[in-house]
Amino acid sequence: MSTVIWVAVVVVAVVAIVAVGYFVLQQQRRHRLRDRFGPEYERTVQERENRRDAEQELIAREQRFSSLDIRALDAGTREIYSKKWMEVQERFVDAPGFAVTEADHLVTSVMAERGYPTEDFEQRLSDLSVAHGRTLDHYRQAHEISTRAAHKEASTEELRQAMVHYRALFEELLEAPGSSADGGRGSRRAEAVDGDSGRTGSTVPSDRDVPRADSTEPETTDDAGRASRRDTQGR
């Protein structure tokens, strides 16, 4: 076999090895990004023109995140915020709209306490997606309901759902160091919140902790009839 043929064979073999190595590295990177960002990975892919651009976007988020001074809360601060959340949750019964607004401010306050920039909502989503990608859609939905509530366009049940959504991220942000940063306990909580209604995805639990506001709906015909009979019978 001539030298030229040998050189050609070696070149083809090297190219094949490089191609296989590149493919393996791409797959490893893709798996890592999917594992870290959870549902945000697929959302970003859908929003970008192609998967490569989406993955570059997620890598850029990681690089920005690494430059932020994100810090855990000490036990005392976590206790203070937990009590504040309980107070907001209790106010939901009498003033659901006000409680949702307070919940939004409280989540933002915890973010700032931990070192997240909070000036721009879209940037908040981007920064949070790196460590809280599995609960981020809860925050996104809560914010959407809160925005409509400011214009009196959200029902009481939607406001209750917003409280549940806010709580999903709030509890993750409050967790002790090492419990959610690796996507472990925090991601399991997000899955548990999603699973409360018996469906997959970003669903809303029906009756966990958040009290229902006083009903302002009018009586139905049956209710009115029963009330009339009680009055007639003197009971």
Protein backbone atom coordinates (compact mmCIF):
# COMPACT_ATOMS: atom_id res chain seq x y z
CA MET A 1 0.00 0.00 0.00
CA SER A 2 1.43 3.37 -1.00
CA THR A 3 2.28 6.12 1.45
CA VAL A 4 -0.44 8.33 0.02
CA ILE A 5 -3.12 5.74 0.76
CA TRP A 6 -1.81 5.25 4.29
CA VAL A 7 -1.92 9.00 4.90
CA ALA A 8 -5.47 9.13 3.55
CA VAL A 9 -6.55 6.29 5.84
CA VAL A 10 -4.99 7.98 8.88
CA VAL A 11 -6.65 11.31 8.03
CA VAL A 12 -10.06 9.66 7.65
CA ALA A 13 -9.58 7.82 10.96
CA VAL A 14 -8.59 11.03 12.77
CA VAL A 15 -11.56 12.89 11.32
CA ALA A 16 -13.88 10.09 12.38
CA ILE A 17 -12.47 10.07 15.92
CA VAL A 18 -12.82 13.87 16.18
CA ALA A 19 -16.40 13.68 14.88
CA VAL A 20 -17.33 10.98 17.36
CA GLY A 21 -15.67 12.90 20.18
CA TYR A 22 -17.53 16.08 19.25
CA PHE A 23 -20.82 14.20 19.10
CA VAL A 24 -20.21 12.65 22.54
CA LEU A 25 -19.32 16.04 24.04
CA GLN A 26 -22.48 17.56 22.51
CA GLN A 27 -24.62 14.82 24.00
CA GLN A 28 -22.99 15.19 27.42
CA ARG A 29 -23.53 18.94 27.37
CA ARG A 30 -27.15 18.50 26.29
CA HIS A 31 -27.77 16.00 29.08
CA ARG A 32 -26.18 18.32 31.64
CA LEU A 33 -28.25 21.30 30.53
CA ARG A 34 -31.47 19.29 30.55
CA ASP A 35 -30.70 18.02 34.02
CA ARG A 36 -29.88 21.46 35.37
CA PHE A 37 -32.62 23.54 33.75
CA GLY A 38 -35.42 20.97 33.74
CA PRO A 39 -38.55 22.27 31.92
CA GLU A 40 -36.75 25.53 31.10
CA TYR A 41 -34.51 23.63 28.68
CA GLU A 42 -37.42 22.64 26.42
CA ARG A 43 -39.07 26.05 26.82
CA THR A 44 -35.87 27.77 25.66
CA VAL A 45 -35.51 25.37 22.71
CA GLN A 46 -39.07 26.23 21.63
CA GLU A 47 -38.37 29.97 21.91
CA ARG A 48 -35.13 29.89 19.86
CA GLU A 49 -34.65 29.13 16.17
CA ASN A 50 -32.71 25.94 16.83
CA ARG A 51 -31.39 23.76 19.64
CA ARG A 52 -27.84 25.04 19.32
CA ASP A 53 -28.89 28.66 19.88
CA ALA A 54 -31.01 27.58 22.84
CA GLU A 55 -28.12 25.73 24.45
CA GLN A 56 -25.80 28.68 23.91
CA GLU A 57 -28.41 30.86 25.65
CA LEU A 58 -28.51 28.50 28.63
CA ILE A 59 -24.72 28.38 28.85
CA ALA A 60 -24.68 32.19 28.84
CA ARG A 61 -27.15 32.13 31.75
CA GLU A 62 -24.83 29.81 33.66
CA GLN A 63 -21.90 32.13 33.06
CA ARG A 64 -23.86 35.16 34.28
CA PHE A 65 -25.12 33.21 37.28
CA SER A 66 -21.56 32.28 38.27
CA SER A 67 -20.68 35.99 38.36
CA LEU A 68 -23.50 36.80 40.81
CA ASP A 69 -22.97 36.76 44.55
CA ILE A 70 -25.74 34.27 45.33
CA ARG A 71 -25.76 33.40 49.01
CA ALA A 72 -27.82 31.21 51.30
CA LEU A 73 -29.98 32.65 54.07
CA ASP A 74 -29.04 32.03 57.67
CA ALA A 75 -31.47 30.18 59.93
CA GLY A 76 -32.72 33.36 61.63
CA THR A 77 -33.52 35.08 58.34
CA ARG A 78 -35.29 32.00 57.03
CA GLU A 79 -37.44 31.93 60.17
CA ILE A 80 -38.36 35.60 59.77
CA TYR A 81 -39.41 35.12 56.16
CA SER A 82 -41.38 31.98 57.02
CA LYS A 83 -43.40 33.94 59.58
CA LYS A 84 -43.99 36.74 57.08
CA TRP A 85 -45.31 34.22 54.57
CA MET A 86 -47.73 32.79 57.12
CA GLU A 87 -49.02 36.29 57.84
CA VAL A 88 -49.55 36.97 54.14
CA GLN A 89 -51.28 33.63 53.70
CA GLU A 90 -53.66 34.35 56.59
CA ARG A 91 -54.57 37.72 55.07
CA PHE A 92 -55.69 35.95 51.91
CA VAL A 93 -59.05 35.05 53.53
CA ASP A 94 -60.15 38.68 53.88
CA ALA A 95 -58.11 40.36 51.13
CA PRO A 96 -57.00 37.89 48.43
CA GLY A 97 -55.85 40.51 45.94
CA PHE A 98 -53.78 42.35 48.52
CA ALA A 99 -52.29 39.07 49.78
CA VAL A 100 -51.16 38.08 46.28
CA THR A 101 -49.46 41.46 45.83
CA GLU A 102 -47.72 40.99 49.16
CA ALA A 103 -46.67 37.47 48.18
CA ASP A 104 -45.09 38.84 45.01
CA HIS A 105 -43.18 41.46 46.99
CA LEU A 106 -42.09 38.88 49.56
CA VAL A 107 -40.67 36.53 46.91
CA THR A 108 -38.85 39.46 45.33
CA SER A 109 -37.49 40.45 48.73
CA VAL A 110 -36.11 36.96 49.36
CA MET A 111 -34.49 36.99 45.93
CA ALA A 112 -32.76 40.29 46.70
CA GLU A 113 -31.69 38.97 50.11
CA ARG A 114 -30.02 36.03 48.40
CA GLY A 115 -28.21 38.24 45.90
CA TYR A 116 -30.38 38.03 42.79
CA PRO A 117 -30.84 41.25 40.78
CA THR A 118 -34.56 42.10 40.85
CA GLU A 119 -34.94 45.19 38.65
CA ASP A 120 -36.20 43.43 35.51
CA PHE A 121 -38.68 40.54 35.58
CA GLU A 122 -37.34 38.78 32.47
CA GLN A 123 -33.82 38.95 33.87
CA ARG A 124 -35.13 37.52 37.13
CA LEU A 125 -36.50 34.55 35.22
CA SER A 126 -33.21 34.08 33.40
CA ASP A 127 -31.13 34.16 36.60
CA LEU A 128 -33.51 31.95 38.57
CA SER A 129 -33.64 29.35 35.80
CA VAL A 130 -30.07 28.21 36.54
CA ALA A 131 -30.81 26.96 40.07
CA HIS A 132 -34.62 26.88 40.13
CA GLY A 133 -35.62 25.80 36.64
CA ARG A 134 -38.03 23.15 37.93
CA THR A 135 -40.17 25.63 39.87
CA LEU A 136 -39.73 28.63 37.61
CA ASP A 137 -42.98 28.12 35.70
CA HIS A 138 -44.85 28.44 39.00
CA TYR A 139 -43.31 31.88 39.43
CA ARG A 140 -44.11 32.80 35.84
CA GLN A 141 -47.78 31.83 36.25
CA ALA A 142 -48.07 33.57 39.62
CA HIS A 143 -46.69 36.79 38.16
CA GLU A 144 -49.13 36.63 35.24
CA ILE A 145 -52.10 36.25 37.59
CA SER A 146 -50.77 39.00 39.84
CA THR A 147 -50.50 41.36 36.87
CA ARG A 148 -54.12 40.67 35.89
CA ALA A 149 -55.20 41.05 39.51
CA ALA A 150 -53.79 44.58 39.52
CA HIS A 151 -56.36 45.37 36.82
CA LYS A 152 -59.17 43.52 38.66
CA GLU A 153 -59.16 40.80 36.00
CA ALA A 154 -58.43 37.73 38.16
CA SER A 155 -60.97 35.60 39.99
CA THR A 156 -60.61 34.62 43.65
CA GLU A 157 -59.72 31.05 42.66
CA GLU A 158 -57.01 32.33 40.31
CA LEU A 159 -55.64 34.44 43.16
CA ARG A 160 -55.50 31.36 45.35
CA GLN A 161 -53.65 29.54 42.59
CA ALA A 162 -51.18 32.44 42.43
CA MET A 163 -50.47 32.03 46.14
CA VAL A 164 -49.73 28.33 45.63
CA HIS A 165 -47.45 29.13 42.68
CA TYR A 166 -45.58 31.80 44.63
CA ARG A 167 -45.13 29.41 47.54
CA ALA A 168 -43.43 26.80 45.32
CA LEU A 169 -40.52 29.15 44.53
CA PHE A 170 -40.60 30.88 47.93
CA GLU A 171 -39.99 27.61 49.77
CA GLU A 172 -37.11 26.69 47.47
CA LEU A 173 -35.46 30.07 47.94
CA LEU A 174 -35.71 29.65 51.72
CA GLU A 175 -34.20 26.18 51.89
CA ALA A 176 -30.99 25.56 53.80
CA PRO A 177 -27.71 25.32 51.85
CA GLY A 178 -27.29 22.09 49.90
CA SER A 179 -30.96 21.12 49.85
CA SER A 180 -32.08 22.67 46.55
CA ALA A 181 -29.07 24.08 44.73
CA ASP A 182 -28.34 20.67 43.19
CA GLY A 183 -31.92 20.23 42.00
CA GLY A 184 -32.59 17.47 44.53
CA ARG A 185 -35.06 18.26 47.27
CA GLY A 186 -36.19 21.44 45.55
CA SER A 187 -37.01 19.67 42.32
CA ARG A 188 -38.86 16.93 44.20
CA ARG A 189 -40.99 19.58 45.92
CA ALA A 190 -41.86 21.11 42.55
CA GLU A 191 -42.90 17.70 41.28
CA ALA A 192 -44.99 17.16 44.42
CA VAL A 193 -46.73 20.51 43.96
CA ASP A 194 -47.42 19.63 40.34
CA GLY A 195 -48.71 16.20 41.31
CA ASP A 196 -51.27 17.42 43.86
CA SER A 197 -53.92 17.74 41.19
CA GLY A 198 -53.17 14.35 39.69
CA ARG A 199 -51.70 15.74 36.48
CA THR A 200 -48.23 16.37 35.11
CA GLY A 201 -46.68 19.70 34.18
CA SER A 202 -47.19 23.05 35.88
CA THR A 203 -50.55 22.34 37.46
CA VAL A 204 -52.04 23.76 40.61
CA PRO A 205 -52.90 21.89 43.80
CA SER A 206 -56.45 22.30 45.04
CA ASP A 207 -56.28 22.64 48.83
CA ARG A 208 -52.78 22.82 50.30
CA ASP A 209 -52.33 25.34 53.11
CA VAL A 210 -53.68 28.38 51.26
CA PRO A 211 -57.08 29.19 52.79
CA ARG A 212 -60.02 29.99 50.59
CA ALA A 213 -61.33 33.52 50.63
CA ASP A 214 -64.88 34.22 51.79
CA SER A 215 -67.28 33.41 48.99
CA THR A 216 -69.15 36.34 47.44
CA GLU A 217 -71.11 34.22 44.99
CA PRO A 218 -74.94 34.58 45.10
CA GLU A 219 -77.08 31.78 46.53
CA THR A 220 -78.24 29.14 44.09
CA THR A 221 -81.99 28.40 43.69
CA ASP A 222 -81.72 25.32 45.91
CA ASP A 223 -79.88 27.25 48.62
CA ALA A 224 -82.49 30.00 48.57
CA GLY A 225 -85.31 27.43 48.80
CA ARG A 226 -83.76 25.72 51.81
CA ALA A 227 -83.27 29.08 53.51
CA SER A 228 -86.93 29.98 52.87
CA ARG A 229 -88.15 26.70 54.39
CA ARG A 230 -86.00 27.23 57.47
CA ASP A 231 -87.50 30.71 57.96
CA THR A 232 -91.05 29.33 57.58
CA GLN A 233 -90.44 26.61 60.14
CA GLY A 234 -88.79 29.05 62.50
CA ARG A 235 -85.40 27.32 62.36
